[in-house]
């Protein structure tokens, strides 16, 4: 049971990190678009 629980926690954590990474990439993309439009 314990191993199952830790696997669930690990998948939750990796899913969270994945979302953070996607938001980071999205932010970078928006910054680049903003910079290029300002020129």
PDB file of N, CA and C in Angstrom:
ATOM      1  N   UNK A   1       0.833  -1.216   0.000  1.00  0.00           N
ATOM      2  CA  UNK A   1       0.000   0.000   0.000  1.00  0.00           C
ATOM      3  C   UNK A   1       0.868   1.267   0.000  1.00  0.00           C
ATOM      4  N   UNK A   2       1.904   1.231   0.815  1.00  0.00           N
ATOM      5  CA  UNK A   2       2.754   2.422   0.943  1.00  0.00           C
ATOM      6  C   UNK A   2       3.365   2.837  -0.386  1.00  0.00           C
ATOM      7  N   UNK A   3       3.836   1.856  -1.139  1.00  0.00           N
ATOM      8  CA  UNK A   3       4.463   2.167  -2.426  1.00  0.00           C
ATOM      9  C   UNK A   3       3.450   2.791  -3.380  1.00  0.00           C
ATOM     10  N   UNK A   4       2.235   2.250  -3.367  1.00  0.00           N
ATOM     11  CA  UNK A   4       1.179   2.795  -4.217  1.00  0.00           C
ATOM     12  C   UNK A   4       0.944   4.269  -3.898  1.00  0.00           C
ATOM     13  N   UNK A   5       0.871   4.573  -2.617  1.00  0.00           N
ATOM     14  CA  UNK A   5       0.621   5.945  -2.180  1.00  0.00           C
ATOM     15  C   UNK A   5       1.727   6.875  -2.665  1.00  0.00           C
ATOM     16  N   UNK A   6       2.977   6.443  -2.521  1.00  0.00           N
ATOM     17  CA  UNK A   6       4.087   7.303  -2.930  1.00  0.00           C
ATOM     18  C   UNK A   6       4.085   7.481  -4.451  1.00  0.00           C
ATOM     19  N   UNK A   7       3.669   6.455  -5.176  1.00  0.00           N
ATOM     20  CA  UNK A   7       3.578   6.586  -6.632  1.00  0.00           C
ATOM     21  C   UNK A   7       2.545   7.646  -6.997  1.00  0.00           C
ATOM     22  N   UNK A   8       1.445   7.656  -6.272  1.00  0.00           N
ATOM     23  CA  UNK A   8       0.393   8.637  -6.531  1.00  0.00           C
ATOM     24  C   UNK A   8       0.916  10.041  -6.251  1.00  0.00           C
ATOM     25  N   UNK A   9       1.617  10.204  -5.129  1.00  0.00           N
ATOM     26  CA  UNK A   9       2.187  11.507  -4.783  1.00  0.00           C
ATOM     27  C   UNK A   9       3.188  11.946  -5.848  1.00  0.00           C
ATOM     28  N   UNK A  10       3.980  10.994  -6.322  1.00  0.00           N
ATOM     29  CA  UNK A  10       4.997  11.309  -7.328  1.00  0.00           C
ATOM     30  C   UNK A  10       4.338  11.769  -8.622  1.00  0.00           C
ATOM     31  N   UNK A  11       3.264  11.100  -9.017  1.00  0.00           N
ATOM     32  CA  UNK A  11       2.595  11.482 -10.258  1.00  0.00           C
ATOM     33  C   UNK A  11       1.936  12.850 -10.098  1.00  0.00           C
ATOM     34  N   UNK A  12       1.412  13.125  -8.910  1.00  0.00           N
ATOM     35  CA  UNK A  12       0.818  14.453  -8.654  1.00  0.00           C
ATOM     36  C   UNK A  12       1.892  15.520  -8.777  1.00  0.00           C
ATOM     37  N   UNK A  13       3.066  15.228  -8.194  1.00  0.00           N
ATOM     38  CA  UNK A  13       4.166  16.192  -8.216  1.00  0.00           C
ATOM     39  C   UNK A  13       4.650  16.426  -9.641  1.00  0.00           C
ATOM     40  N   UNK A  14       4.804  15.345 -10.410  1.00  0.00           N
ATOM     41  CA  UNK A  14       5.291  15.493 -11.784  1.00  0.00           C
ATOM     42  C   UNK A  14       4.265  16.239 -12.632  1.00  0.00           C
ATOM     43  N   UNK A  15       2.984  16.010 -12.376  1.00  0.00           N
ATOM     44  CA  UNK A  15       1.938  16.718 -13.107  1.00  0.00           C
ATOM     45  C   UNK A  15       2.002  18.213 -12.783  1.00  0.00           C
ATOM     46  N   UNK A  16       2.224  18.532 -11.507  1.00  0.00           N
ATOM     47  CA  UNK A  16       2.341  19.919 -11.067  1.00  0.00           C
ATOM     48  C   UNK A  16       3.544  20.586 -11.731  1.00  0.00           C
ATOM     49  N   UNK A  17       4.683  19.879 -11.726  1.00  0.00           N
ATOM     50  CA  UNK A  17       5.890  20.435 -12.342  1.00  0.00           C
ATOM     51  C   UNK A  17       5.687  20.635 -13.839  1.00  0.00           C
ATOM     52  N   UNK A  18       4.955  19.715 -14.455  1.00  0.00           N
ATOM     53  CA  UNK A  18       4.673  19.807 -15.887  1.00  0.00           C
ATOM     54  C   UNK A  18       3.864  21.071 -16.183  1.00  0.00           C
ATOM     55  N   UNK A  19       2.867  21.339 -15.346  1.00  0.00           N
ATOM     56  CA  UNK A  19       2.051  22.540 -15.529  1.00  0.00           C
ATOM     57  C   UNK A  19       2.879  23.798 -15.321  1.00  0.00           C
ATOM     58  N   UNK A  20       3.749  23.772 -14.304  1.00  0.00           N
ATOM     59  CA  UNK A  20       4.614  24.929 -14.038  1.00  0.00           C
ATOM     60  C   UNK A  20       5.513  25.185 -15.246  1.00  0.00           C
ATOM     61  N   UNK A  21       6.060  24.097 -15.806  1.00  0.00           N
ATOM     62  CA  UNK A  21       6.944  24.210 -16.969  1.00  0.00           C
ATOM     63  C   UNK A  21       6.191  24.778 -18.168  1.00  0.00           C
ATOM     64  N   UNK A  22       4.959  24.306 -18.386  1.00  0.00           N
ATOM     65  CA  UNK A  22       4.158  24.804 -19.509  1.00  0.00           C
ATOM     66  C   UNK A  22       3.865  26.290 -19.330  1.00  0.00           C
ATOM     67  N   UNK A  23       3.512  26.687 -18.106  1.00  0.00           N
ATOM     68  CA  UNK A  23       3.224  28.095 -17.841  1.00  0.00           C
ATOM     69  C   UNK A  23       4.461  28.950 -18.070  1.00  0.00           C
ATOM     70  N   UNK A  24       5.638  28.398 -17.703  1.00  0.00           N
ATOM     71  CA  UNK A  24       6.900  29.104 -17.888  1.00  0.00           C
ATOM     72  C   UNK A  24       7.162  29.329 -19.376  1.00  0.00           C
ATOM     73  N   UNK A  25       6.970  28.262 -20.169  1.00  0.00           N
ATOM     74  CA  UNK A  25       7.184  28.377 -21.614  1.00  0.00           C
ATOM     75  C   UNK A  25       6.191  29.362 -22.222  1.00  0.00           C
ATOM     76  N   UNK A  26       4.951  29.309 -21.766  1.00  0.00           N
ATOM     77  CA  UNK A  26       3.927  30.212 -22.275  1.00  0.00           C
ATOM     78  C   UNK A  26       4.308  31.659 -21.958  1.00  0.00           C
ATOM     79  N   UNK A  27       4.794  31.877 -20.743  1.00  0.00           N
ATOM     80  CA  UNK A  27       5.220  33.212 -20.332  1.00  0.00           C
ATOM     81  C   UNK A  27       6.359  33.718 -21.205  1.00  0.00           C
ATOM     82  N   UNK A  28       7.328  32.853 -21.472  1.00  0.00           N
ATOM     83  CA  UNK A  28       8.457  33.246 -22.323  1.00  0.00           C
ATOM     84  C   UNK A  28       7.968  33.604 -23.715  1.00  0.00           C
ATOM     85  N   UNK A  29       7.061  32.802 -24.240  1.00  0.00           N
ATOM     86  CA  UNK A  29       6.527  33.054 -25.575  1.00  0.00           C
ATOM     87  C   UNK A  29       5.801  34.392 -25.639  1.00  0.00           C
ATOM     88  N   UNK A  30       4.998  34.680 -24.625  1.00  0.00           N
ATOM     89  CA  UNK A  30       4.263  35.946 -24.597  1.00  0.00           C
ATOM     90  C   UNK A  30       5.222  37.120 -24.485  1.00  0.00           C
ATOM     91  N   UNK A  31       6.285  36.962 -23.696  1.00  0.00           N
ATOM     92  CA  UNK A  31       7.279  38.027 -23.551  1.00  0.00           C
ATOM     93  C   UNK A  31       7.938  38.305 -24.897  1.00  0.00           C
ATOM     94  N   UNK A  32       8.287  37.234 -25.618  1.00  0.00           N
ATOM     95  CA  UNK A  32       8.936  37.392 -26.926  1.00  0.00           C
ATOM     96  C   UNK A  32       8.005  38.088 -27.910  1.00  0.00           C
ATOM     97  N   UNK A  33       6.739  37.703 -27.913  1.00  0.00           N
ATOM     98  CA  UNK A  33       5.756  38.323 -28.810  1.00  0.00           C
ATOM     99  C   UNK A  33       5.611  39.809 -28.463  1.00  0.00           C
ATOM    100  N   UNK A  34       5.552  40.100 -27.170  1.00  0.00           N
ATOM    101  CA  UNK A  34       5.415  41.489 -26.714  1.00  0.00           C
ATOM    102  C   UNK A  34       6.619  42.315 -27.151  1.00  0.00           C
ATOM    103  N   UNK A  35       7.815  41.751 -26.977  1.00  0.00           N
ATOM    104  CA  UNK A  35       9.043  42.465 -27.347  1.00  0.00           C
ATOM    105  C   UNK A  35       9.098  42.728 -28.846  1.00  0.00           C
ATOM    106  N   UNK A  36       8.754  41.701 -29.651  1.00  0.00           N
ATOM    107  CA  UNK A  36       8.848  41.877 -31.102  1.00  0.00           C
ATOM    108  C   UNK A  36       7.780  42.850 -31.600  1.00  0.00           C
ATOM    109  N   UNK A  37       6.627  42.892 -30.966  1.00  0.00           N
ATOM    110  CA  UNK A  37       5.571  43.811 -31.392  1.00  0.00           C
ATOM    111  C   UNK A  37       5.909  45.245 -31.011  1.00  0.00           C
ATOM    112  N   UNK A  38       6.714  45.413 -29.951  1.00  0.00           N
ATOM    113  CA  UNK A  38       7.051  46.765 -29.500  1.00  0.00           C
ATOM    114  C   UNK A  38       8.005  47.465 -30.460  1.00  0.00           C
ATOM    115  N   UNK A  39       8.796  46.700 -31.196  1.00  0.00           N
ATOM    116  CA  UNK A  39       9.794  47.308 -32.088  1.00  0.00           C
ATOM    117  C   UNK A  39       9.127  48.070 -33.235  1.00  0.00           C
TER     118      UNK A  39
END
